[in-house]
């Protein structure tokens, strides 16, 4: 199983999925990279169309 699937396995609700379902999910995942301070969701922009999971983050000081 790949890195993305293993990452999802550690979190609800993905931890309930079978291995084959996790592999399918990972195959359609689209990793994104955002710079520090970038807005990922904008207030008032309406509901998001995709699920986003933050994998790593740096604390802003």
C-alpha atoms as a PDB file:
ATOM      1  CA  UNK A   1       0.000   0.000   0.000  1.00  0.00           C
ATOM      2  CA  UNK A   2       1.318   3.433  -0.849  1.00  0.00           C
ATOM      3  CA  UNK A   3       2.284   6.356   1.331  1.00  0.00           C
ATOM      4  CA  UNK A   4      -0.973   8.298   0.756  1.00  0.00           C
ATOM      5  CA  UNK A   5      -3.137   5.289   1.603  1.00  0.00           C
ATOM      6  CA  UNK A   6      -1.135   4.615   4.783  1.00  0.00           C
ATOM      7  CA  UNK A   7      -1.510   8.265   5.808  1.00  0.00           C
ATOM      8  CA  UNK A   8      -5.295   8.135   5.400  1.00  0.00           C
ATOM      9  CA  UNK A   9      -5.522   4.859   7.337  1.00  0.00           C
ATOM     10  CA  UNK A  10      -4.519   6.712  10.519  1.00  0.00           C
ATOM     11  CA  UNK A  11      -7.549   9.068  10.498  1.00  0.00           C
ATOM     12  CA  UNK A  12     -11.327   8.892  10.784  1.00  0.00           C
ATOM     13  CA  UNK A  13     -13.332   8.007   8.738  1.00  0.00           C
ATOM     14  CA  UNK A  14     -10.679   6.489   6.474  1.00  0.00           C
ATOM     15  CA  UNK A  15      -9.485   4.060   9.155  1.00  0.00           C
ATOM     16  CA  UNK A  16     -12.682   2.066   8.573  1.00  0.00           C
ATOM     17  CA  UNK A  17     -11.938   1.437   4.878  1.00  0.00           C
ATOM     18  CA  UNK A  18     -10.678  -1.861   3.493  1.00  0.00           C
ATOM     19  CA  UNK A  19      -7.169  -1.867   1.979  1.00  0.00           C
ATOM     20  CA  UNK A  20      -8.551  -1.955  -1.578  1.00  0.00           C
ATOM     21  CA  UNK A  21     -10.732   1.089  -0.848  1.00  0.00           C
ATOM     22  CA  UNK A  22      -7.751   2.984   0.565  1.00  0.00           C
ATOM     23  CA  UNK A  23      -5.731   2.187  -2.549  1.00  0.00           C
ATOM     24  CA  UNK A  24      -8.601   3.484  -4.721  1.00  0.00           C
ATOM     25  CA  UNK A  25      -8.813   6.674  -2.650  1.00  0.00           C
ATOM     26  CA  UNK A  26      -5.056   7.207  -2.866  1.00  0.00           C
ATOM     27  CA  UNK A  27      -5.163   6.774  -6.651  1.00  0.00           C
ATOM     28  CA  UNK A  28      -7.433   9.804  -7.034  1.00  0.00           C
ATOM     29  CA  UNK A  29      -5.846  11.967  -4.319  1.00  0.00           C
ATOM     30  CA  UNK A  30      -4.277  15.177  -5.576  1.00  0.00           C
ATOM     31  CA  UNK A  31      -1.522  16.365  -3.236  1.00  0.00           C
ATOM     32  CA  UNK A  32      -1.159  20.143  -3.016  1.00  0.00           C
ATOM     33  CA  UNK A  33       1.606  22.333  -1.680  1.00  0.00           C
ATOM     34  CA  UNK A  34       0.892  25.769  -0.238  1.00  0.00           C
ATOM     35  CA  UNK A  35       3.294  28.373   1.027  1.00  0.00           C
ATOM     36  CA  UNK A  36       3.257  29.655   4.583  1.00  0.00           C
ATOM     37  CA  UNK A  37       0.301  31.947   5.186  1.00  0.00           C
ATOM     38  CA  UNK A  38      -1.546  30.864   2.041  1.00  0.00           C
ATOM     39  CA  UNK A  39      -5.334  30.712   2.291  1.00  0.00           C
ATOM     40  CA  UNK A  40      -6.563  27.186   1.645  1.00  0.00           C
ATOM     41  CA  UNK A  41     -10.223  28.025   2.207  1.00  0.00           C
ATOM     42  CA  UNK A  42     -11.613  31.526   1.813  1.00  0.00           C
ATOM     43  CA  UNK A  43     -14.313  32.857   4.118  1.00  0.00           C
ATOM     44  CA  UNK A  44     -17.557  33.432   2.229  1.00  0.00           C
ATOM     45  CA  UNK A  45     -16.433  31.445  -0.808  1.00  0.00           C
ATOM     46  CA  UNK A  46     -19.140  28.816  -0.388  1.00  0.00           C
ATOM     47  CA  UNK A  47     -18.778  25.177   0.541  1.00  0.00           C
ATOM     48  CA  UNK A  48     -15.624  23.399  -0.610  1.00  0.00           C
ATOM     49  CA  UNK A  49     -16.005  20.873  -3.414  1.00  0.00           C
ATOM     50  CA  UNK A  50     -13.263  18.555  -2.162  1.00  0.00           C
ATOM     51  CA  UNK A  51     -12.043  17.096   1.099  1.00  0.00           C
ATOM     52  CA  UNK A  52      -8.675  18.457   2.157  1.00  0.00           C
ATOM     53  CA  UNK A  53      -6.398  16.947   4.760  1.00  0.00           C
ATOM     54  CA  UNK A  54      -3.381  18.816   6.031  1.00  0.00           C
ATOM     55  CA  UNK A  55      -0.472  16.431   6.202  1.00  0.00           C
ATOM     56  CA  UNK A  56       2.241  18.728   7.489  1.00  0.00           C
ATOM     57  CA  UNK A  57       2.203  22.281   8.673  1.00  0.00           C
ATOM     58  CA  UNK A  58       4.553  24.731  10.242  1.00  0.00           C
ATOM     59  CA  UNK A  59       3.421  26.876  13.107  1.00  0.00           C
ATOM     60  CA  UNK A  60       3.433  30.580  12.288  1.00  0.00           C
ATOM     61  CA  UNK A  61       5.057  32.758  14.900  1.00  0.00           C
END
